[in-house]
């Protein structure tokens, strides 16, 4: 979902007297993995459908564009 031009992942949602309270995790590069709370009565919430996402191939030489993302993902993954 998108709130205030940021992509967010909803962790929980509670119905209150004022509307919905959403506990979210931010997905944008600069603020990744930080949490926040938003009220539906105060902010415009735009749900996103994951089925509408388009997968595109990395056309850079040596996968230069996707390599930093893959390396960051591997560093975050715990080793058993």
PDB file of N, CA and C in Angstrom:
ATOM      1  N   UNK A   1       0.828  -1.158   0.000  1.00  0.00           N
ATOM      2  CA  UNK A   1       0.000   0.000   0.000  1.00  0.00           C
ATOM      3  C   UNK A   1       0.876   1.225   0.000  1.00  0.00           C
ATOM      4  N   UNK A   2       0.315   2.332  -0.405  1.00  0.00           N
ATOM      5  CA  UNK A   2       1.060   3.586  -0.490  1.00  0.00           C
ATOM      6  C   UNK A   2       0.373   4.630   0.389  1.00  0.00           C
ATOM      7  N   UNK A   3       1.159   5.213   1.288  1.00  0.00           N
ATOM      8  CA  UNK A   3       0.703   6.317   2.131  1.00  0.00           C
ATOM      9  C   UNK A   3       1.801   7.369   2.106  1.00  0.00           C
ATOM     10  N   UNK A   4       1.435   8.604   1.844  1.00  0.00           N
ATOM     11  CA  UNK A   4       2.395   9.720   1.787  1.00  0.00           C
ATOM     12  C   UNK A   4       3.543   9.427   0.829  1.00  0.00           C
ATOM     13  N   UNK A   5       3.232   8.859  -0.306  1.00  0.00           N
ATOM     14  CA  UNK A   5       4.201   8.551  -1.368  1.00  0.00           C
ATOM     15  C   UNK A   5       5.283   7.560  -0.937  1.00  0.00           C
ATOM     16  N   UNK A   6       4.994   6.715   0.041  1.00  0.00           N
ATOM     17  CA  UNK A   6       5.927   5.678   0.464  1.00  0.00           C
ATOM     18  C   UNK A   6       5.249   4.319   0.367  1.00  0.00           C
ATOM     19  N   UNK A   7       6.026   3.306  -0.048  1.00  0.00           N
ATOM     20  CA  UNK A   7       5.505   1.952  -0.095  1.00  0.00           C
ATOM     21  C   UNK A   7       5.616   1.331   1.286  1.00  0.00           C
ATOM     22  N   UNK A   8       4.506   0.715   1.742  1.00  0.00           N
ATOM     23  CA  UNK A   8       4.444   0.181   3.088  1.00  0.00           C
ATOM     24  C   UNK A   8       3.865  -1.220   3.084  1.00  0.00           C
ATOM     25  N   UNK A   9       4.249  -2.006   4.082  1.00  0.00           N
ATOM     26  CA  UNK A   9       3.716  -3.339   4.284  1.00  0.00           C
ATOM     27  C   UNK A   9       2.944  -3.324   5.594  1.00  0.00           C
ATOM     28  N   UNK A  10       1.670  -3.692   5.566  1.00  0.00           N
ATOM     29  CA  UNK A  10       0.824  -3.638   6.756  1.00  0.00           C
ATOM     30  C   UNK A  10       1.126  -4.830   7.649  1.00  0.00           C
ATOM     31  N   UNK A  11       1.466  -4.546   8.916  1.00  0.00           N
ATOM     32  CA  UNK A  11       1.691  -5.596   9.907  1.00  0.00           C
ATOM     33  C   UNK A  11       0.410  -5.926  10.659  1.00  0.00           C
ATOM     34  N   UNK A  12      -0.388  -4.899  10.982  1.00  0.00           N
ATOM     35  CA  UNK A  12      -1.655  -5.117  11.669  1.00  0.00           C
ATOM     36  C   UNK A  12      -2.582  -3.945  11.395  1.00  0.00           C
ATOM     37  N   UNK A  13      -3.872  -4.201  11.569  1.00  0.00           N
ATOM     38  CA  UNK A  13      -4.884  -3.166  11.379  1.00  0.00           C
ATOM     39  C   UNK A  13      -5.944  -3.329  12.458  1.00  0.00           C
ATOM     40  N   UNK A  14      -6.317  -2.220  13.091  1.00  0.00           N
ATOM     41  CA  UNK A  14      -7.328  -2.233  14.138  1.00  0.00           C
ATOM     42  C   UNK A  14      -8.391  -1.199  13.809  1.00  0.00           C
ATOM     43  N   UNK A  15      -9.659  -1.607  13.982  1.00  0.00           N
ATOM     44  CA  UNK A  15     -10.772  -0.685  13.767  1.00  0.00           C
ATOM     45  C   UNK A  15     -10.980   0.118  15.036  1.00  0.00           C
ATOM     46  N   UNK A  16     -10.994   1.432  14.921  1.00  0.00           N
ATOM     47  CA  UNK A  16     -11.228   2.314  16.059  1.00  0.00           C
ATOM     48  C   UNK A  16     -12.437   3.187  15.788  1.00  0.00           C
ATOM     49  N   UNK A  17     -12.749   4.045  16.724  1.00  0.00           N
ATOM     50  CA  UNK A  17     -13.903   4.927  16.543  1.00  0.00           C
ATOM     51  C   UNK A  17     -13.635   5.981  15.469  1.00  0.00           C
ATOM     52  N   UNK A  18     -12.375   6.256  15.213  1.00  0.00           N
ATOM     53  CA  UNK A  18     -11.971   7.277  14.245  1.00  0.00           C
ATOM     54  C   UNK A  18     -11.667   6.711  12.862  1.00  0.00           C
ATOM     55  N   UNK A  19     -11.631   5.409  12.725  1.00  0.00           N
ATOM     56  CA  UNK A  19     -11.260   4.770  11.462  1.00  0.00           C
ATOM     57  C   UNK A  19     -10.262   3.665  11.740  1.00  0.00           C
ATOM     58  N   UNK A  20      -9.502   3.305  10.744  1.00  0.00           N
ATOM     59  CA  UNK A  20      -8.530   2.226  10.876  1.00  0.00           C
ATOM     60  C   UNK A  20      -7.187   2.763  11.342  1.00  0.00           C
ATOM     61  N   UNK A  21      -6.553   2.026  12.270  1.00  0.00           N
ATOM     62  CA  UNK A  21      -5.190   2.295  12.698  1.00  0.00           C
ATOM     63  C   UNK A  21      -4.320   1.210  12.089  1.00  0.00           C
ATOM     64  N   UNK A  22      -3.393   1.614  11.230  1.00  0.00           N
ATOM     65  CA  UNK A  22      -2.525   0.666  10.543  1.00  0.00           C
ATOM     66  C   UNK A  22      -1.120   0.729  11.122  1.00  0.00           C
ATOM     67  N   UNK A  23      -0.595  -0.411  11.543  1.00  0.00           N
ATOM     68  CA  UNK A  23       0.801  -0.537  11.948  1.00  0.00           C
ATOM     69  C   UNK A  23       1.538  -1.076  10.730  1.00  0.00           C
ATOM     70  N   UNK A  24       2.521  -0.342  10.239  1.00  0.00           N
ATOM     71  CA  UNK A  24       3.157  -0.685   8.972  1.00  0.00           C
ATOM     72  C   UNK A  24       4.675  -0.730   9.112  1.00  0.00           C
ATOM     73  N   UNK A  25       5.298  -1.381   8.130  1.00  0.00           N
ATOM     74  CA  UNK A  25       6.759  -1.393   7.985  1.00  0.00           C
ATOM     75  C   UNK A  25       7.066  -0.723   6.657  1.00  0.00           C
ATOM     76  N   UNK A  26       7.999   0.211   6.677  1.00  0.00           N
ATOM     77  CA  UNK A  26       8.336   0.958   5.464  1.00  0.00           C
ATOM     78  C   UNK A  26       9.247   0.126   4.574  1.00  0.00           C
ATOM     79  N   UNK A  27       9.060   0.252   3.255  1.00  0.00           N
ATOM     80  CA  UNK A  27       9.812  -0.535   2.290  1.00  0.00           C
ATOM     81  C   UNK A  27      10.749   0.284   1.423  1.00  0.00           C
ATOM     82  N   UNK A  28      10.648   1.601   1.465  1.00  0.00           N
ATOM     83  CA  UNK A  28      11.501   2.453   0.638  1.00  0.00           C
ATOM     84  C   UNK A  28      12.963   2.300   1.041  1.00  0.00           C
ATOM     85  N   UNK A  29      13.872   2.552   0.119  1.00  0.00           N
ATOM     86  CA  UNK A  29      15.297   2.318   0.345  1.00  0.00           C
ATOM     87  C   UNK A  29      15.855   3.077   1.544  1.00  0.00           C
ATOM     88  N   UNK A  30      15.543   4.346   1.682  1.00  0.00           N
ATOM     89  CA  UNK A  30      16.150   5.158   2.733  1.00  0.00           C
ATOM     90  C   UNK A  30      15.621   4.842   4.125  1.00  0.00           C
ATOM     91  N   UNK A  31      14.397   4.384   4.219  1.00  0.00           N
ATOM     92  CA  UNK A  31      13.783   4.141   5.528  1.00  0.00           C
ATOM     93  C   UNK A  31      13.344   2.683   5.681  1.00  0.00           C
ATOM     94  N   UNK A  32      14.002   1.778   4.995  1.00  0.00           N
ATOM     95  CA  UNK A  32      13.598   0.371   5.000  1.00  0.00           C
ATOM     96  C   UNK A  32      13.623  -0.206   6.414  1.00  0.00           C
ATOM     97  N   UNK A  33      12.635  -1.036   6.696  1.00  0.00           N
ATOM     98  CA  UNK A  33      12.494  -1.771   7.954  1.00  0.00           C
ATOM     99  C   UNK A  33      12.208  -0.900   9.168  1.00  0.00           C
ATOM    100  N   UNK A  34      11.818   0.353   8.984  1.00  0.00           N
ATOM    101  CA  UNK A  34      11.344   1.143  10.113  1.00  0.00           C
ATOM    102  C   UNK A  34       9.832   1.005  10.189  1.00  0.00           C
ATOM    103  N   UNK A  35       9.278   1.183  11.376  1.00  0.00           N
ATOM    104  CA  UNK A  35       7.842   1.011  11.556  1.00  0.00           C
ATOM    105  C   UNK A  35       7.171   2.360  11.769  1.00  0.00           C
ATOM    106  N   UNK A  36       5.871   2.383  11.524  1.00  0.00           N
ATOM    107  CA  UNK A  36       5.090   3.597  11.696  1.00  0.00           C
ATOM    108  C   UNK A  36       3.630   3.210  11.899  1.00  0.00           C
ATOM    109  N   UNK A  37       2.822   4.169  12.320  1.00  0.00           N
ATOM    110  CA  UNK A  37       1.387   3.965  12.495  1.00  0.00           C
ATOM    111  C   UNK A  37       0.654   5.085  11.764  1.00  0.00           C
ATOM    112  N   UNK A  38      -0.440   4.743  11.075  1.00  0.00           N
ATOM    113  CA  UNK A  38      -1.226   5.716  10.332  1.00  0.00           C
ATOM    114  C   UNK A  38      -2.705   5.492  10.610  1.00  0.00           C
ATOM    115  N   UNK A  39      -3.468   6.577  10.693  1.00  0.00           N
ATOM    116  CA  UNK A  39      -4.921   6.515  10.814  1.00  0.00           C
ATOM    117  C   UNK A  39      -5.549   6.780   9.451  1.00  0.00           C
ATOM    118  N   UNK A  40      -6.528   5.983   9.096  1.00  0.00           N
ATOM    119  CA  UNK A  40      -7.190   6.162   7.805  1.00  0.00           C
ATOM    120  C   UNK A  40      -7.968   7.475   7.749  1.00  0.00           C
ATOM    121  N   UNK A  41      -8.356   8.007   8.895  1.00  0.00           N
ATOM    122  CA  UNK A  41      -9.088   9.271   8.898  1.00  0.00           C
ATOM    123  C   UNK A  41      -8.175  10.472   8.650  1.00  0.00           C
ATOM    124  N   UNK A  42      -6.866  10.305   8.830  1.00  0.00           N
ATOM    125  CA  UNK A  42      -5.930  11.413   8.654  1.00  0.00           C
ATOM    126  C   UNK A  42      -5.154  11.356   7.348  1.00  0.00           C
ATOM    127  N   UNK A  43      -4.897  10.157   6.840  1.00  0.00           N
ATOM    128  CA  UNK A  43      -4.076  10.002   5.640  1.00  0.00           C
ATOM    129  C   UNK A  43      -4.853   9.276   4.544  1.00  0.00           C
ATOM    130  N   UNK A  44      -4.499   9.596   3.311  1.00  0.00           N
ATOM    131  CA  UNK A  44      -5.091   8.886   2.171  1.00  0.00           C
ATOM    132  C   UNK A  44      -4.305   7.593   1.953  1.00  0.00           C
ATOM    133  N   UNK A  45      -5.005   6.474   1.992  1.00  0.00           N
ATOM    134  CA  UNK A  45      -4.378   5.158   1.874  1.00  0.00           C
ATOM    135  C   UNK A  45      -4.739   4.572   0.522  1.00  0.00           C
ATOM    136  N   UNK A  46      -3.706   4.175  -0.241  1.00  0.00           N
ATOM    137  CA  UNK A  46      -3.912   3.574  -1.558  1.00  0.00           C
ATOM    138  C   UNK A  46      -3.436   2.121  -1.524  1.00  0.00           C
ATOM    139  N   UNK A  47      -4.375   1.173  -1.517  1.00  0.00           N
ATOM    140  CA  UNK A  47      -3.952  -0.230  -1.550  1.00  0.00           C
ATOM    141  C   UNK A  47      -3.338  -0.579  -2.901  1.00  0.00           C
ATOM    142  N   UNK A  48      -2.385  -1.505  -2.890  1.00  0.00           N
ATOM    143  CA  UNK A  48      -1.761  -1.974  -4.123  1.00  0.00           C
ATOM    144  C   UNK A  48      -2.043  -3.453  -4.278  1.00  0.00           C
ATOM    145  N   UNK A  49      -2.317  -3.852  -5.498  1.00  0.00           N
ATOM    146  CA  UNK A  49      -2.578  -5.248  -5.805  1.00  0.00           C
ATOM    147  C   UNK A  49      -1.286  -5.895  -6.291  1.00  0.00           C
ATOM    148  N   UNK A  50      -0.759  -6.893  -5.574  1.00  0.00           N
ATOM    149  CA  UNK A  50       0.493  -7.519  -6.011  1.00  0.00           C
ATOM    150  C   UNK A  50       0.375  -8.214  -7.360  1.00  0.00           C
ATOM    151  N   UNK A  51      -0.836  -8.577  -7.745  1.00  0.00           N
ATOM    152  CA  UNK A  51      -1.015  -9.208  -9.058  1.00  0.00           C
ATOM    153  C   UNK A  51      -0.785  -8.224 -10.195  1.00  0.00           C
ATOM    154  N   UNK A  52      -0.848  -6.932  -9.898  1.00  0.00           N
ATOM    155  CA  UNK A  52      -0.641  -5.913 -10.934  1.00  0.00           C
ATOM    156  C   UNK A  52       0.841  -5.577 -11.125  1.00  0.00           C
ATOM    157  N   UNK A  53       1.702  -6.126 -10.275  1.00  0.00           N
ATOM    158  CA  UNK A  53       3.137  -5.852 -10.396  1.00  0.00           C
ATOM    159  C   UNK A  53       3.699  -6.513 -11.649  1.00  0.00           C
ATOM    160  N   UNK A  54       4.622  -5.820 -12.273  1.00  0.00           N
ATOM    161  CA  UNK A  54       5.264  -6.346 -13.480  1.00  0.00           C
ATOM    162  C   UNK A  54       6.719  -6.660 -13.180  1.00  0.00           C
ATOM    163  N   UNK A  55       7.148  -7.838 -13.540  1.00  0.00           N
ATOM    164  CA  UNK A  55       8.533  -8.250 -13.364  1.00  0.00           C
ATOM    165  C   UNK A  55       9.286  -7.907 -14.643  1.00  0.00           C
ATOM    166  N   UNK A  56      10.418  -7.216 -14.474  1.00  0.00           N
ATOM    167  CA  UNK A  56      11.220  -6.852 -15.641  1.00  0.00           C
ATOM    168  C   UNK A  56      12.626  -7.427 -15.477  1.00  0.00           C
ATOM    169  N   UNK A  57      13.224  -7.769 -16.572  1.00  0.00           N
ATOM    170  CA  UNK A  57      14.567  -8.342 -16.553  1.00  0.00           C
ATOM    171  C   UNK A  57      15.606  -7.242 -16.360  1.00  0.00           C
ATOM    172  N   UNK A  58      16.700  -7.585 -15.707  1.00  0.00           N
ATOM    173  CA  UNK A  58      17.799  -6.655 -15.521  1.00  0.00           C
ATOM    174  C   UNK A  58      18.656  -6.693 -16.786  1.00  0.00           C
ATOM    175  N   UNK A  59      18.627  -5.618 -17.529  1.00  0.00           N
ATOM    176  CA  UNK A  59      19.345  -5.574 -18.791  1.00  0.00           C
ATOM    177  C   UNK A  59      20.755  -5.011 -18.684  1.00  0.00           C
ATOM    178  N   UNK A  60      21.194  -4.670 -17.469  1.00  0.00           N
ATOM    179  CA  UNK A  60      22.537  -4.108 -17.316  1.00  0.00           C
ATOM    180  C   UNK A  60      23.593  -5.194 -17.451  1.00  0.00           C
ATOM    181  N   UNK A  61      24.789  -4.792 -17.846  1.00  0.00           N
ATOM    182  CA  UNK A  61      25.859  -5.773 -18.022  1.00  0.00           C
ATOM    183  C   UNK A  61      26.306  -6.296 -16.660  1.00  0.00           C
ATOM    184  N   UNK A  62      26.396  -7.603 -16.537  1.00  0.00           N
ATOM    185  CA  UNK A  62      26.820  -8.220 -15.279  1.00  0.00           C
ATOM    186  C   UNK A  62      25.817  -8.041 -14.156  1.00  0.00           C
ATOM    187  N   UNK A  63      24.569  -7.792 -14.492  1.00  0.00           N
ATOM    188  CA  UNK A  63      23.497  -7.578 -13.504  1.00  0.00           C
ATOM    189  C   UNK A  63      23.851  -6.461 -12.524  1.00  0.00           C
ATOM    190  N   UNK A  64      24.419  -5.396 -13.041  1.00  0.00           N
ATOM    191  CA  UNK A  64      24.892  -4.284 -12.222  1.00  0.00           C
ATOM    192  C   UNK A  64      23.760  -3.605 -11.449  1.00  0.00           C
ATOM    193  N   UNK A  65      22.557  -3.533 -12.016  1.00  0.00           N
ATOM    194  CA  UNK A  65      21.453  -2.847 -11.342  1.00  0.00           C
ATOM    195  C   UNK A  65      20.851  -3.669 -10.205  1.00  0.00           C
ATOM    196  N   UNK A  66      20.794  -4.988 -10.348  1.00  0.00           N
ATOM    197  CA  UNK A  66      20.150  -5.815  -9.322  1.00  0.00           C
ATOM    198  C   UNK A  66      21.128  -6.391  -8.307  1.00  0.00           C
ATOM    199  N   UNK A  67      22.410  -6.369  -8.577  1.00  0.00           N
ATOM    200  CA  UNK A  67      23.397  -6.963  -7.666  1.00  0.00           C
ATOM    201  C   UNK A  67      23.398  -6.326  -6.279  1.00  0.00           C
ATOM    202  N   UNK A  68      23.343  -4.980  -6.113  1.00  0.00           N
ATOM    203  CA  UNK A  68      23.315  -4.408  -4.753  1.00  0.00           C
ATOM    204  C   UNK A  68      22.112  -4.877  -3.936  1.00  0.00           C
ATOM    205  N   UNK A  69      20.955  -5.011  -4.586  1.00  0.00           N
ATOM    206  CA  UNK A  69      19.771  -5.491  -3.871  1.00  0.00           C
ATOM    207  C   UNK A  69      19.957  -6.940  -3.427  1.00  0.00           C
ATOM    208  N   UNK A  70      20.493  -7.778  -4.300  1.00  0.00           N
ATOM    209  CA  UNK A  70      20.716  -9.183  -3.941  1.00  0.00           C
ATOM    210  C   UNK A  70      21.740  -9.309  -2.816  1.00  0.00           C
ATOM    211  N   UNK A  71      22.804  -8.526  -2.848  1.00  0.00           N
ATOM    212  CA  UNK A  71      23.812  -8.580  -1.796  1.00  0.00           C
ATOM    213  C   UNK A  71      23.240  -8.112  -0.462  1.00  0.00           C
ATOM    214  N   UNK A  72      22.415  -7.071  -0.470  1.00  0.00           N
ATOM    215  CA  UNK A  72      21.782  -6.601   0.762  1.00  0.00           C
ATOM    216  C   UNK A  72      20.839  -7.656   1.321  1.00  0.00           C
ATOM    217  N   UNK A  73      20.113  -8.334   0.451  1.00  0.00           N
ATOM    218  CA  UNK A  73      19.206  -9.391   0.889  1.00  0.00           C
ATOM    219  C   UNK A  73      19.985 -10.544   1.519  1.00  0.00           C
ATOM    220  N   UNK A  74      21.099 -10.913   0.926  1.00  0.00           N
ATOM    221  CA  UNK A  74      21.916 -11.993   1.486  1.00  0.00           C
ATOM    222  C   UNK A  74      22.509 -11.607   2.843  1.00  0.00           C
ATOM    223  N   UNK A  75      22.889 -10.355   3.012  1.00  0.00           N
ATOM    224  CA  UNK A  75      23.446  -9.917   4.297  1.00  0.00           C
ATOM    225  C   UNK A  75      22.409  -9.923   5.403  1.00  0.00           C
ATOM    226  N   UNK A  76      21.151  -9.663   5.064  1.00  0.00           N
ATOM    227  CA  UNK A  76      20.076  -9.657   6.056  1.00  0.00           C
ATOM    228  C   UNK A  76      19.627 -11.065   6.435  1.00  0.00           C
ATOM    229  N   UNK A  77      19.883 -12.052   5.574  1.00  0.00           N
ATOM    230  CA  UNK A  77      19.408 -13.410   5.814  1.00  0.00           C
ATOM    231  C   UNK A  77      20.263 -14.076   6.892  1.00  0.00           C
ATOM    232  N   UNK A  78      19.617 -14.592   7.971  1.00  0.00           N
ATOM    233  CA  UNK A  78      20.397 -15.245   9.025  1.00  0.00           C
ATOM    234  C   UNK A  78      20.999 -16.576   8.538  1.00  0.00           C
ATOM    235  N   UNK A  79      22.173 -16.867   9.035  1.00  0.00           N
ATOM    236  CA  UNK A  79      22.857 -18.098   8.676  1.00  0.00           C
ATOM    237  C   UNK A  79      22.450 -19.173   9.696  1.00  0.00           C
ATOM    238  N   UNK A  80      22.009 -20.347   9.246  1.00  0.00           N
ATOM    239  CA  UNK A  80      21.584 -21.384  10.207  1.00  0.00           C
ATOM    240  C   UNK A  80      22.756 -21.975  10.976  1.00  0.00           C
TER     241      UNK A  80
END
